[in-house]
PDB file of N, CA and C in Angstrom:
ATOM      1  N   TRP A   1      99.783  90.802  87.751  1.00  0.00           N
ATOM      2  CA  TRP A   1      98.977  91.638  88.689  1.00  0.00           C
ATOM      3  C   TRP A   1      99.381  93.108  88.465  1.00  0.00           C
ATOM      4  N   GLY A   2     100.649  93.387  88.198  1.00  0.00           N
ATOM      5  CA  GLY A   2     101.072  94.808  88.129  1.00  0.00           C
ATOM      6  C   GLY A   2     100.415  95.566  86.977  1.00  0.00           C
ATOM      7  N   GLU A   3     100.390  94.962  85.821  1.00  0.00           N
ATOM      8  CA  GLU A   3      99.772  95.647  84.647  1.00  0.00           C
ATOM      9  C   GLU A   3      98.304  95.932  84.897  1.00  0.00           C
ATOM     10  N   LEU A   4      97.589  94.992  85.455  1.00  0.00           N
ATOM     11  CA  LEU A   4      96.185  95.143  85.791  1.00  0.00           C
ATOM     12  C   LEU A   4      95.980  96.249  86.828  1.00  0.00           C
ATOM     13  N   ALA A   5      96.872  96.236  87.841  1.00  0.00           N
ATOM     14  CA  ALA A   5      96.727  97.230  88.906  1.00  0.00           C
ATOM     15  C   ALA A   5      97.013  98.640  88.361  1.00  0.00           C
ATOM     16  N   LEU A   6      97.972  98.746  87.426  1.00  0.00           N
ATOM     17  CA  LEU A   6      98.252 100.057  86.753  1.00  0.00           C
ATOM     18  C   LEU A   6      97.021 100.495  85.970  1.00  0.00           C
ATOM     19  N   ALA A   7      96.368  99.570  85.264  1.00  0.00           N
ATOM     20  CA  ALA A   7      95.199  99.910  84.502  1.00  0.00           C
ATOM     21  C   ALA A   7      94.096 100.400  85.409  1.00  0.00           C
ATOM     22  N   ALA A   8      93.942  99.769  86.544  1.00  0.00           N
ATOM     23  CA  ALA A   8      92.876 100.194  87.512  1.00  0.00           C
ATOM     24  C   ALA A   8      93.243 101.577  88.021  1.00  0.00           C
ATOM     25  N   LEU A   9      94.490 101.855  88.316  1.00  0.00           N
ATOM     26  CA  LEU A   9      94.890 103.143  88.836  1.00  0.00           C
ATOM     27  C   LEU A   9      94.673 104.237  87.745  1.00  0.00           C
ATOM     28  N   LYS A  10      94.920 103.901  86.505  1.00  0.00           N
ATOM     29  CA  LYS A  10      94.701 104.877  85.428  1.00  0.00           C
ATOM     30  C   LYS A  10      93.225 105.259  85.296  1.00  0.00           C
ATOM     31  N   SER A  11      92.346 104.397  85.720  1.00  0.00           N
ATOM     32  CA  SER A  11      90.911 104.681  85.582  1.00  0.00           C
ATOM     33  C   SER A  11      90.372 105.513  86.726  1.00  0.00           C
ATOM     34  N   SER A  12      91.231 105.834  87.646  1.00  0.00           N
ATOM     35  CA  SER A  12      90.732 106.567  88.831  1.00  0.00           C
ATOM     36  C   SER A  12      91.541 107.893  89.020  1.00  0.00           C
ATOM     37  N   PRO A  13      90.915 109.043  89.179  1.00  0.00           N
ATOM     38  CA  PRO A  13      91.644 110.263  89.381  1.00  0.00           C
ATOM     39  C   PRO A  13      92.171 110.447  90.800  1.00  0.00           C
ATOM     40  N   HIS A  14      91.720 109.615  91.722  1.00  0.00           N
ATOM     41  CA  HIS A  14      92.100 109.757  93.116  1.00  0.00           C
ATOM     42  C   HIS A  14      92.883 108.539  93.589  1.00  0.00           C
ATOM     43  N   PRO A  15      93.661 108.631  94.628  1.00  0.00           N
ATOM     44  CA  PRO A  15      94.370 107.439  95.171  1.00  0.00           C
ATOM     45  C   PRO A  15      93.366 106.311  95.499  1.00  0.00           C
ATOM     46  N   MET A  16      93.873 105.110  95.306  1.00  0.00           N
ATOM     47  CA  MET A  16      93.002 103.940  95.579  1.00  0.00           C
ATOM     48  C   MET A  16      93.640 103.096  96.738  1.00  0.00           C
ATOM     49  N   SER A  17      92.776 102.594  97.544  1.00  0.00           N
ATOM     50  CA  SER A  17      93.251 101.731  98.616  1.00  0.00           C
ATOM     51  C   SER A  17      93.567 100.353  97.997  1.00  0.00           C
ATOM     52  N   LEU A  18      94.299  99.610  98.753  1.00  0.00           N
ATOM     53  CA  LEU A  18      94.669  98.255  98.338  1.00  0.00           C
ATOM     54  C   LEU A  18      93.401  97.391  98.147  1.00  0.00           C
ATOM     55  N   ASP A  19      92.410  97.577  98.988  1.00  0.00           N
ATOM     56  CA  ASP A  19      91.212  96.817  98.918  1.00  0.00           C
ATOM     57  C   ASP A  19      90.398  97.188  97.650  1.00  0.00           C
ATOM     58  N   GLU A  20      90.403  98.495  97.285  1.00  0.00           N
ATOM     59  CA  GLU A  20      89.758  98.924  96.069  1.00  0.00           C
ATOM     60  C   GLU A  20      90.434  98.312  94.880  1.00  0.00           C
ATOM     61  N   LEU A  21      91.768  98.296  94.908  1.00  0.00           N
ATOM     62  CA  LEU A  21      92.503  97.712  93.768  1.00  0.00           C
ATOM     63  C   LEU A  21      92.230  96.267  93.612  1.00  0.00           C
ATOM     64  N   VAL A  22      92.246  95.555  94.726  1.00  0.00           N
ATOM     65  CA  VAL A  22      91.921  94.079  94.707  1.00  0.00           C
ATOM     66  C   VAL A  22      90.561  93.852  94.059  1.00  0.00           C
ATOM     67  N   SER A  23      89.563  94.643  94.484  1.00  0.00           N
ATOM     68  CA  SER A  23      88.217  94.471  93.974  1.00  0.00           C
ATOM     69  C   SER A  23      88.145  94.749  92.517  1.00  0.00           C
ATOM     70  N   ARG A  24      88.770  95.813  92.002  1.00  0.00           N
ATOM     71  CA  ARG A  24      88.750  96.150  90.600  1.00  0.00           C
ATOM     72  C   ARG A  24      89.526  95.177  89.768  1.00  0.00           C
ATOM     73  N   VAL A  25      90.717  94.811  90.203  1.00  0.00           N
ATOM     74  CA  VAL A  25      91.559  93.913  89.418  1.00  0.00           C
ATOM     75  C   VAL A  25      90.965  92.532  89.362  1.00  0.00           C
ATOM     76  N   SER A  26      90.366  92.027  90.436  1.00  0.00           N
ATOM     77  CA  SER A  26      89.825  90.688  90.418  1.00  0.00           C
ATOM     78  C   SER A  26      88.640  90.606  89.452  1.00  0.00           C
ATOM     79  N   LYS A  27      88.029  91.648  89.091  1.00  0.00           N
ATOM     80  CA  LYS A  27      86.892  91.665  88.112  1.00  0.00           C
ATOM     81  C   LYS A  27      87.355  91.801  86.678  1.00  0.00           C
ATOM     82  N   MET A  28      88.642  92.137  86.448  1.00  0.00           N
ATOM     83  CA  MET A  28      89.188  92.363  85.138  1.00  0.00           C
ATOM     84  C   MET A  28      89.437  91.049  84.400  1.00  0.00           C
ATOM     85  N   GLU A  29      89.209  91.107  83.121  1.00  0.00           N
ATOM     86  CA  GLU A  29      89.494  89.936  82.256  1.00  0.00           C
ATOM     87  C   GLU A  29      90.990  89.644  82.278  1.00  0.00           C
ATOM     88  N   GLY A  30      91.366  88.417  82.386  1.00  0.00           N
ATOM     89  CA  GLY A  30      92.793  88.052  82.360  1.00  0.00           C
ATOM     90  C   GLY A  30      93.441  88.149  83.750  1.00  0.00           C
ATOM     91  N   CYS A  31      92.649  88.266  84.757  1.00  0.00           N
ATOM     92  CA  CYS A  31      93.211  88.378  86.126  1.00  0.00           C
ATOM     93  C   CYS A  31      93.748  86.978  86.539  1.00  0.00           C
ATOM     94  N   PRO A  32      95.012  86.929  86.942  1.00  0.00           N
ATOM     95  CA  PRO A  32      95.563  85.640  87.347  1.00  0.00           C
ATOM     96  C   PRO A  32      95.004  85.246  88.740  1.00  0.00           C
ATOM     97  N   SER A  33      95.062  83.958  89.010  1.00  0.00           N
ATOM     98  CA  SER A  33      94.595  83.557  90.327  1.00  0.00           C
ATOM     99  C   SER A  33      95.735  83.706  91.349  1.00  0.00           C
ATOM    100  N   SER A  34      95.377  83.918  92.564  1.00  0.00           N
ATOM    101  CA  SER A  34      96.354  84.119  93.667  1.00  0.00           C
ATOM    102  C   SER A  34      95.634  83.777  94.988  1.00  0.00           C
ATOM    103  N   SER A  35      96.354  83.108  95.886  1.00  0.00           N
ATOM    104  CA  SER A  35      95.795  82.844  97.165  1.00  0.00           C
ATOM    105  C   SER A  35      95.848  84.100  98.056  1.00  0.00           C
ATOM    106  N   ASP A  36      96.673  85.104  97.667  1.00  0.00           N
ATOM    107  CA  ASP A  36      96.812  86.349  98.444  1.00  0.00           C
ATOM    108  C   ASP A  36      96.840  87.502  97.470  1.00  0.00           C
ATOM    109  N   PRO A  37      95.705  87.911  96.858  1.00  0.00           N
ATOM    110  CA  PRO A  37      95.732  88.966  95.812  1.00  0.00           C
ATOM    111  C   PRO A  37      96.228  90.330  96.393  1.00  0.00           C
ATOM    112  N   ARG A  38      95.895  90.622  97.651  1.00  0.00           N
ATOM    113  CA  ARG A  38      96.354  91.872  98.274  1.00  0.00           C
ATOM    114  C   ARG A  38      97.890  91.954  98.249  1.00  0.00           C
ATOM    115  N   ASN A  39      98.543  90.910  98.619  1.00  0.00           N
ATOM    116  CA  ASN A  39     100.005  90.893  98.601  1.00  0.00           C
ATOM    117  C   ASN A  39     100.547  90.924  97.188  1.00  0.00           C
ATOM    118  N   ALA A  40      99.924  90.201  96.275  1.00  0.00           N
ATOM    119  CA  ALA A  40     100.397  90.219  94.910  1.00  0.00           C
ATOM    120  C   ALA A  40     100.341  91.600  94.301  1.00  0.00           C
ATOM    121  N   ILE A  41      99.272  92.350  94.551  1.00  0.00           N
ATOM    122  CA  ILE A  41      99.178  93.730  94.117  1.00  0.00           C
ATOM    123  C   ILE A  41     100.165  94.610  94.784  1.00  0.00           C
ATOM    124  N   ARG A  42     100.301  94.504  96.096  1.00  0.00           N
ATOM    125  CA  ARG A  42     101.248  95.332  96.863  1.00  0.00           C
ATOM    126  C   ARG A  42     102.693  95.182  96.351  1.00  0.00           C
ATOM    127  N   VAL A  43     103.057  93.950  96.146  1.00  0.00           N
ATOM    128  CA  VAL A  43     104.419  93.623  95.662  1.00  0.00           C
ATOM    129  C   VAL A  43     104.591  94.144  94.254  1.00  0.00           C
ATOM    130  N   ALA A  44     103.613  93.952  93.393  1.00  0.00           N
ATOM    131  CA  ALA A  44     103.708  94.420  91.998  1.00  0.00           C
ATOM    132  C   ALA A  44     103.839  95.898  91.941  1.00  0.00           C
ATOM    133  N   LEU A  45     103.095  96.650  92.785  1.00  0.00           N
ATOM    134  CA  LEU A  45     103.190  98.125  92.822  1.00  0.00           C
ATOM    135  C   LEU A  45     104.480  98.590  93.415  1.00  0.00           C
ATOM    136  N   THR A  46     104.994  97.868  94.395  1.00  0.00           N
ATOM    137  CA  THR A  46     106.252  98.253  95.006  1.00  0.00           C
ATOM    138  C   THR A  46     107.373  98.119  93.990  1.00  0.00           C
ATOM    139  N   ARG A  47     107.325  97.149  93.140  1.00  0.00           N
ATOM    140  CA  ARG A  47     108.344  96.947  92.089  1.00  0.00           C
ATOM    141  C   ARG A  47     108.215  98.003  90.968  1.00  0.00           C
ATOM    142  N   ARG A  48     107.125  98.722  90.948  1.00  0.00           N
ATOM    143  CA  ARG A  48     106.883  99.756  89.942  1.00  0.00           C
ATOM    144  C   ARG A  48     106.888 101.133  90.570  1.00  0.00           C
ATOM    145  N   LYS A  49     107.735 101.319  91.575  1.00  0.00           N
ATOM    146  CA  LYS A  49     107.741 102.616  92.321  1.00  0.00           C
ATOM    147  C   LYS A  49     108.108 103.792  91.428  1.00  0.00           C
ATOM    148  N   ASP A  50     108.661 103.616  90.239  1.00  0.00           N
ATOM    149  CA  ASP A  50     108.903 104.689  89.298  1.00  0.00           C
ATOM    150  C   ASP A  50     107.616 105.213  88.734  1.00  0.00           C
ATOM    151  N   ALA A  51     106.568 104.389  88.706  1.00  0.00           N
ATOM    152  CA  ALA A  51     105.291 104.724  88.072  1.00  0.00           C
ATOM    153  C   ALA A  51     104.154 104.986  89.088  1.00  0.00           C
ATOM    154  N   VAL A  52     104.391 104.460  90.308  1.00  0.00           N
ATOM    155  CA  VAL A  52     103.313 104.479  91.311  1.00  0.00           C
ATOM    156  C   VAL A  52     103.819 105.133  92.579  1.00  0.00           C
ATOM    157  N   ARG A  53     103.017 106.029  93.135  1.00  0.00           N
ATOM    158  CA  ARG A  53     103.346 106.707  94.406  1.00  0.00           C
ATOM    159  C   ARG A  53     102.411 106.135  95.462  1.00  0.00           C
ATOM    160  N   ARG A  54     102.996 105.832  96.625  1.00  0.00           N
ATOM    161  CA  ARG A  54     102.234 105.392  97.773  1.00  0.00           C
ATOM    162  C   ARG A  54     101.887 106.657  98.571  1.00  0.00           C
ATOM    163  N   GLU A  55     100.600 107.034  98.528  1.00  0.00           N
ATOM    164  CA  GLU A  55     100.151 108.255  99.159  1.00  0.00           C
ATOM    165  C   GLU A  55     100.199 108.136 100.703  1.00  0.00           C
ATOM    166  N   SER A  56      99.654 107.154 101.198  1.00  0.00           N
ATOM    167  CA  SER A  56      99.679 106.824 102.654  1.00  0.00           C
ATOM    168  C   SER A  56      99.553 105.349 102.802  1.00  0.00           C
ATOM    169  N   ARG A  57      99.544 104.892 104.026  1.00  0.00           N
ATOM    170  CA  ARG A  57      99.511 103.453 104.197  1.00  0.00           C
ATOM    171  C   ARG A  57      98.333 102.796 103.424  1.00  0.00           C
ATOM    172  N   GLY A  58      98.687 102.016 102.456  1.00  0.00           N
ATOM    173  CA  GLY A  58      97.673 101.298 101.704  1.00  0.00           C
ATOM    174  C   GLY A  58      96.996 102.003 100.585  1.00  0.00           C
ATOM    175  N   PHE A  59      97.340 103.229 100.285  1.00  0.00           N
ATOM    176  CA  PHE A  59      96.778 104.011  99.192  1.00  0.00           C
ATOM    177  C   PHE A  59      97.806 104.267  98.161  1.00  0.00           C
ATOM    178  N   TYR A  60      97.431 104.053  96.877  1.00  0.00           N
ATOM    179  CA  TYR A  60      98.364 104.168  95.753  1.00  0.00           C
ATOM    180  C   TYR A  60      97.784 105.081  94.709  1.00  0.00           C
ATOM    181  N   GLN A  61      98.692 105.773  93.970  1.00  0.00           N
ATOM    182  CA  GLN A  61      98.292 106.656  92.895  1.00  0.00           C
ATOM    183  C   GLN A  61      99.420 106.666  91.846  1.00  0.00           C
ATOM    184  N   LEU A  62      99.079 106.859  90.600  1.00  0.00           N
ATOM    185  CA  LEU A  62     100.088 106.948  89.575  1.00  0.00           C
ATOM    186  C   LEU A  62     100.909 108.213  89.722  1.00  0.00           C
ATOM    187  N   VAL A  63     102.165 108.170  89.365  1.00  0.00           N
ATOM    188  CA  VAL A  63     103.041 109.346  89.427  1.00  0.00           C
ATOM    189  C   VAL A  63     102.722 110.178  88.206  1.00  0.00           C
ATOM    190  N   ASP A  64     102.602 111.493  88.367  1.00  0.00           N
ATOM    191  CA  ASP A  64     102.303 112.421  87.315  1.00  0.00           C
ATOM    192  C   ASP A  64     103.489 112.444  86.359  1.00  0.00           C
ATOM    193  N   GLY A  65     103.160 112.589  85.097  1.00  0.00           N
ATOM    194  CA  GLY A  65     104.218 112.747  84.081  1.00  0.00           C
ATOM    195  C   GLY A  65     104.461 111.489  83.458  1.00  0.00           C
TER     196      GLY A  65
END
């Protein structure tokens, strides 16, 4: 989930909501199945806090640099 979420974030110049990420990632090829995709993405991005910044509740953006 994490790599796909990072790819979705790279494709957007603005912060994305968790719902936007779920929508984009679920349409990507190679998307794993999950009974709770929102939580899977949230956990994956939390584990990558060196690469992803949480702008506000539920919005994520890649860290610059």
